[in-house]
């Protein structure tokens, strides 16, 4: 009975193949934006770490 219910449902592979170019472009843009944000955060944290290490070194 369950197999008959699932016969009409599209498989995940069908869904991926049916993505339009626009949806792919928007997905790529979103991922690129997120990568840029993470790179900026990583750079900021590295700079902050260097400053804190300098403070620790000065106290020694």
PDB file of N, CA and C in Angstrom:
ATOM      1  N   UNK A   1       0.823  -1.176   0.000  1.00  0.00           N
ATOM      2  CA  UNK A   1       0.000   0.000   0.000  1.00  0.00           C
ATOM      3  C   UNK A   1       0.883   1.263   0.000  1.00  0.00           C
ATOM      4  N   UNK A   2       1.927   1.252   0.833  1.00  0.00           N
ATOM      5  CA  UNK A   2       2.816   2.408   0.897  1.00  0.00           C
ATOM      6  C   UNK A   2       3.558   2.607  -0.427  1.00  0.00           C
ATOM      7  N   UNK A   3       3.958   1.544  -1.065  1.00  0.00           N
ATOM      8  CA  UNK A   3       4.661   1.652  -2.347  1.00  0.00           C
ATOM      9  C   UNK A   3       3.758   2.288  -3.403  1.00  0.00           C
ATOM     10  N   UNK A   4       2.474   1.951  -3.374  1.00  0.00           N
ATOM     11  CA  UNK A   4       1.547   2.543  -4.338  1.00  0.00           C
ATOM     12  C   UNK A   4       1.408   4.047  -4.094  1.00  0.00           C
ATOM     13  N   UNK A   5       1.440   4.463  -2.813  1.00  0.00           N
ATOM     14  CA  UNK A   5       1.341   5.875  -2.490  1.00  0.00           C
ATOM     15  C   UNK A   5       2.567   6.641  -2.986  1.00  0.00           C
ATOM     16  N   UNK A   6       3.726   6.004  -2.930  1.00  0.00           N
ATOM     17  CA  UNK A   6       4.969   6.672  -3.302  1.00  0.00           C
ATOM     18  C   UNK A   6       5.249   6.637  -4.798  1.00  0.00           C
ATOM     19  N   UNK A   7       4.485   5.917  -5.558  1.00  0.00           N
ATOM     20  CA  UNK A   7       4.732   5.801  -6.994  1.00  0.00           C
ATOM     21  C   UNK A   7       4.667   7.153  -7.702  1.00  0.00           C
ATOM     22  N   UNK A   8       3.761   8.020  -7.307  1.00  0.00           N
ATOM     23  CA  UNK A   8       3.593   9.300  -7.984  1.00  0.00           C
ATOM     24  C   UNK A   8       4.557  10.377  -7.515  1.00  0.00           C
ATOM     25  N   UNK A   9       5.272  10.156  -6.421  1.00  0.00           N
ATOM     26  CA  UNK A   9       6.163  11.170  -5.877  1.00  0.00           C
ATOM     27  C   UNK A   9       7.478  11.218  -6.661  1.00  0.00           C
ATOM     28  N   UNK A  10       7.993  12.417  -6.906  1.00  0.00           N
ATOM     29  CA  UNK A  10       9.278  12.518  -7.602  1.00  0.00           C
ATOM     30  C   UNK A  10      10.421  12.123  -6.675  1.00  0.00           C
ATOM     31  N   UNK A  11      11.424  11.514  -7.240  1.00  0.00           N
ATOM     32  CA  UNK A  11      12.581  11.118  -6.434  1.00  0.00           C
ATOM     33  C   UNK A  11      13.492  12.325  -6.243  1.00  0.00           C
ATOM     34  N   UNK A  12      14.376  12.291  -5.250  1.00  0.00           N
ATOM     35  CA  UNK A  12      15.313  13.407  -5.052  1.00  0.00           C
ATOM     36  C   UNK A  12      16.184  13.665  -6.282  1.00  0.00           C
ATOM     37  N   UNK A  13      16.530  12.632  -7.021  1.00  0.00           N
ATOM     38  CA  UNK A  13      17.333  12.825  -8.227  1.00  0.00           C
ATOM     39  C   UNK A  13      16.550  13.600  -9.280  1.00  0.00           C
ATOM     40  N   UNK A  14      15.248  13.325  -9.408  1.00  0.00           N
ATOM     41  CA  UNK A  14      14.417  14.058 -10.363  1.00  0.00           C
ATOM     42  C   UNK A  14      14.337  15.533  -9.985  1.00  0.00           C
ATOM     43  N   UNK A  15      14.231  15.805  -8.700  1.00  0.00           N
ATOM     44  CA  UNK A  15      14.130  17.186  -8.235  1.00  0.00           C
ATOM     45  C   UNK A  15      15.415  17.942  -8.561  1.00  0.00           C
ATOM     46  N   UNK A  16      16.573  17.323  -8.310  1.00  0.00           N
ATOM     47  CA  UNK A  16      17.849  17.974  -8.594  1.00  0.00           C
ATOM     48  C   UNK A  16      18.007  18.250 -10.086  1.00  0.00           C
ATOM     49  N   UNK A  17      17.574  17.353 -10.930  1.00  0.00           N
ATOM     50  CA  UNK A  17      17.717  17.533 -12.366  1.00  0.00           C
ATOM     51  C   UNK A  17      16.793  18.622 -12.887  1.00  0.00           C
ATOM     52  N   UNK A  18      15.711  18.892 -12.191  1.00  0.00           N
ATOM     53  CA  UNK A  18      14.742  19.864 -12.659  1.00  0.00           C
ATOM     54  C   UNK A  18      15.036  21.285 -12.187  1.00  0.00           C
ATOM     55  N   UNK A  19      16.148  21.497 -11.486  1.00  0.00           N
ATOM     56  CA  UNK A  19      16.488  22.840 -11.047  1.00  0.00           C
ATOM     57  C   UNK A  19      16.742  23.722 -12.266  1.00  0.00           C
ATOM     58  N   UNK A  20      16.209  24.902 -12.229  1.00  0.00           N
ATOM     59  CA  UNK A  20      16.407  25.824 -13.335  1.00  0.00           C
ATOM     60  C   UNK A  20      17.751  26.527 -13.184  1.00  0.00           C
ATOM     61  N   UNK A  21      18.192  27.147 -14.260  1.00  0.00           N
ATOM     62  CA  UNK A  21      19.444  27.899 -14.203  1.00  0.00           C
ATOM     63  C   UNK A  21      19.357  29.031 -13.194  1.00  0.00           C
ATOM     64  N   UNK A  22      18.216  29.670 -13.113  1.00  0.00           N
ATOM     65  CA  UNK A  22      18.041  30.781 -12.174  1.00  0.00           C
ATOM     66  C   UNK A  22      18.173  30.306 -10.734  1.00  0.00           C
ATOM     67  N   UNK A  23      17.588  29.156 -10.426  1.00  0.00           N
ATOM     68  CA  UNK A  23      17.675  28.659  -9.055  1.00  0.00           C
ATOM     69  C   UNK A  23      19.101  28.213  -8.747  1.00  0.00           C
ATOM     70  N   UNK A  24      19.789  27.671  -9.728  1.00  0.00           N
ATOM     71  CA  UNK A  24      21.190  27.296  -9.521  1.00  0.00           C
ATOM     72  C   UNK A  24      22.042  28.536  -9.289  1.00  0.00           C
ATOM     73  N   UNK A  25      21.787  29.589 -10.090  1.00  0.00           N
ATOM     74  CA  UNK A  25      22.542  30.833  -9.931  1.00  0.00           C
ATOM     75  C   UNK A  25      22.301  31.459  -8.565  1.00  0.00           C
ATOM     76  N   UNK A  26      21.060  31.442  -8.100  1.00  0.00           N
ATOM     77  CA  UNK A  26      20.763  32.030  -6.789  1.00  0.00           C
ATOM     78  C   UNK A  26      21.394  31.199  -5.673  1.00  0.00           C
ATOM     79  N   UNK A  27      21.431  29.894  -5.837  1.00  0.00           N
ATOM     80  CA  UNK A  27      22.066  29.036  -4.848  1.00  0.00           C
ATOM     81  C   UNK A  27      23.566  29.292  -4.803  1.00  0.00           C
ATOM     82  N   UNK A  28      24.187  29.425  -5.952  1.00  0.00           N
ATOM     83  CA  UNK A  28      25.619  29.706  -6.025  1.00  0.00           C
ATOM     84  C   UNK A  28      25.913  31.073  -5.411  1.00  0.00           C
ATOM     85  N   UNK A  29      25.078  32.063  -5.694  1.00  0.00           N
ATOM     86  CA  UNK A  29      25.272  33.402  -5.138  1.00  0.00           C
ATOM     87  C   UNK A  29      25.158  33.383  -3.614  1.00  0.00           C
ATOM     88  N   UNK A  30      24.191  32.649  -3.096  1.00  0.00           N
ATOM     89  CA  UNK A  30      24.013  32.563  -1.646  1.00  0.00           C
ATOM     90  C   UNK A  30      25.205  31.888  -0.998  1.00  0.00           C
ATOM     91  N   UNK A  31      25.697  30.834  -1.624  1.00  0.00           N
ATOM     92  CA  UNK A  31      26.852  30.132  -1.066  1.00  0.00           C
ATOM     93  C   UNK A  31      28.112  30.990  -1.154  1.00  0.00           C
ATOM     94  N   UNK A  32      28.258  31.725  -2.242  1.00  0.00           N
ATOM     95  CA  UNK A  32      29.413  32.606  -2.391  1.00  0.00           C
ATOM     96  C   UNK A  32      29.389  33.711  -1.331  1.00  0.00           C
ATOM     97  N   UNK A  33      28.198  34.246  -1.071  1.00  0.00           N
ATOM     98  CA  UNK A  33      28.057  35.279  -0.042  1.00  0.00           C
ATOM     99  C   UNK A  33      28.427  34.729   1.324  1.00  0.00           C
ATOM    100  N   UNK A  34      27.967  33.536   1.621  1.00  0.00           N
ATOM    101  CA  UNK A  34      28.261  32.906   2.919  1.00  0.00           C
ATOM    102  C   UNK A  34      29.759  32.638   3.057  1.00  0.00           C
ATOM    103  N   UNK A  35      30.397  32.185   1.993  1.00  0.00           N
ATOM    104  CA  UNK A  35      31.841  31.934   2.020  1.00  0.00           C
ATOM    105  C   UNK A  35      32.586  33.233   2.286  1.00  0.00           C
ATOM    106  N   UNK A  36      32.173  34.317   1.629  1.00  0.00           N
ATOM    107  CA  UNK A  36      32.812  35.619   1.821  1.00  0.00           C
ATOM    108  C   UNK A  36      32.661  36.071   3.265  1.00  0.00           C
ATOM    109  N   UNK A  37      31.470  35.904   3.838  1.00  0.00           N
ATOM    110  CA  UNK A  37      31.244  36.276   5.233  1.00  0.00           C
ATOM    111  C   UNK A  37      32.142  35.476   6.166  1.00  0.00           C
ATOM    112  N   UNK A  38      32.261  34.185   5.918  1.00  0.00           N
ATOM    113  CA  UNK A  38      33.103  33.337   6.765  1.00  0.00           C
ATOM    114  C   UNK A  38      34.584  33.688   6.623  1.00  0.00           C
ATOM    115  N   UNK A  39      35.012  34.030   5.403  1.00  0.00           N
ATOM    116  CA  UNK A  39      36.398  34.440   5.205  1.00  0.00           C
ATOM    117  C   UNK A  39      36.688  35.741   5.950  1.00  0.00           C
ATOM    118  N   UNK A  40      35.751  36.685   5.907  1.00  0.00           N
ATOM    119  CA  UNK A  40      35.920  37.947   6.630  1.00  0.00           C
ATOM    120  C   UNK A  40      35.979  37.718   8.137  1.00  0.00           C
ATOM    121  N   UNK A  41      35.113  36.860   8.638  1.00  0.00           N
ATOM    122  CA  UNK A  41      35.105  36.557  10.065  1.00  0.00           C
ATOM    123  C   UNK A  41      36.406  35.872  10.470  1.00  0.00           C
ATOM    124  N   UNK A  42      36.874  34.958   9.635  1.00  0.00           N
ATOM    125  CA  UNK A  42      38.113  34.251   9.913  1.00  0.00           C
ATOM    126  C   UNK A  42      39.285  35.237   9.986  1.00  0.00           C
ATOM    127  N   UNK A  43      39.333  36.173   9.048  1.00  0.00           N
ATOM    128  CA  UNK A  43      40.400  37.178   9.033  1.00  0.00           C
ATOM    129  C   UNK A  43      40.341  38.039  10.286  1.00  0.00           C
ATOM    130  N   UNK A  44      39.124  38.467  10.654  1.00  0.00           N
ATOM    131  CA  UNK A  44      38.960  39.299  11.853  1.00  0.00           C
ATOM    132  C   UNK A  44      39.401  38.553  13.108  1.00  0.00           C
ATOM    133  N   UNK A  45      39.038  37.294  13.213  1.00  0.00           N
ATOM    134  CA  UNK A  45      39.402  36.504  14.383  1.00  0.00           C
ATOM    135  C   UNK A  45      40.908  36.263  14.452  1.00  0.00           C
ATOM    136  N   UNK A  46      41.551  36.067  13.305  1.00  0.00           N
ATOM    137  CA  UNK A  46      43.006  35.898  13.294  1.00  0.00           C
ATOM    138  C   UNK A  46      43.703  37.169  13.772  1.00  0.00           C
ATOM    139  N   UNK A  47      43.216  38.324  13.314  1.00  0.00           N
ATOM    140  CA  UNK A  47      43.798  39.596  13.744  1.00  0.00           C
ATOM    141  C   UNK A  47      43.604  39.802  15.245  1.00  0.00           C
ATOM    142  N   UNK A  48      42.411  39.469  15.734  1.00  0.00           N
ATOM    143  CA  UNK A  48      42.127  39.588  17.158  1.00  0.00           C
ATOM    144  C   UNK A  48      43.028  38.663  17.970  1.00  0.00           C
ATOM    145  N   UNK A  49      43.253  37.473  17.467  1.00  0.00           N
ATOM    146  CA  UNK A  49      44.122  36.518  18.145  1.00  0.00           C
ATOM    147  C   UNK A  49      45.552  37.042  18.228  1.00  0.00           C
ATOM    148  N   UNK A  50      46.035  37.641  17.140  1.00  0.00           N
ATOM    149  CA  UNK A  50      47.385  38.216  17.161  1.00  0.00           C
ATOM    150  C   UNK A  50      47.503  39.322  18.203  1.00  0.00           C
ATOM    151  N   UNK A  51      46.479  40.178  18.299  1.00  0.00           N
ATOM    152  CA  UNK A  51      46.490  41.249  19.295  1.00  0.00           C
ATOM    153  C   UNK A  51      46.512  40.682  20.707  1.00  0.00           C
ATOM    154  N   UNK A  52      45.699  39.670  20.951  1.00  0.00           N
ATOM    155  CA  UNK A  52      45.634  39.073  22.287  1.00  0.00           C
ATOM    156  C   UNK A  52      46.941  38.369  22.644  1.00  0.00           C
ATOM    157  N   UNK A  53      47.551  37.720  21.662  1.00  0.00           N
ATOM    158  CA  UNK A  53      48.854  37.098  21.926  1.00  0.00           C
ATOM    159  C   UNK A  53      49.890  38.155  22.268  1.00  0.00           C
ATOM    160  N   UNK A  54      49.822  39.305  21.610  1.00  0.00           N
ATOM    161  CA  UNK A  54      50.736  40.400  21.911  1.00  0.00           C
ATOM    162  C   UNK A  54      50.554  40.907  23.320  1.00  0.00           C
ATOM    163  N   UNK A  55      49.288  41.023  23.768  1.00  0.00           N
ATOM    164  CA  UNK A  55      49.016  41.462  25.127  1.00  0.00           C
ATOM    165  C   UNK A  55      49.571  40.464  26.146  1.00  0.00           C
ATOM    166  N   UNK A  56      49.395  39.205  25.885  1.00  0.00           N
ATOM    167  CA  UNK A  56      49.910  38.170  26.782  1.00  0.00           C
ATOM    168  C   UNK A  56      51.429  38.229  26.837  1.00  0.00           C
ATOM    169  N   UNK A  57      52.070  38.438  25.689  1.00  0.00           N
ATOM    170  CA  UNK A  57      53.533  38.496  25.621  1.00  0.00           C
ATOM    171  C   UNK A  57      54.044  39.709  26.403  1.00  0.00           C
ATOM    172  N   UNK A  58      53.336  40.845  26.310  1.00  0.00           N
ATOM    173  CA  UNK A  58      53.756  42.031  27.042  1.00  0.00           C
ATOM    174  C   UNK A  58      53.693  41.841  28.556  1.00  0.00           C
ATOM    175  N   UNK A  59      52.737  41.044  29.014  1.00  0.00           N
ATOM    176  CA  UNK A  59      52.581  40.807  30.455  1.00  0.00           C
ATOM    177  C   UNK A  59      53.663  39.889  31.005  1.00  0.00           C
ATOM    178  N   UNK A  60      54.331  39.142  30.136  1.00  0.00           N
ATOM    179  CA  UNK A  60      55.368  38.228  30.612  1.00  0.00           C
ATOM    180  C   UNK A  60      56.634  38.929  30.859  1.00  0.00           C
TER     181      UNK A  60
END
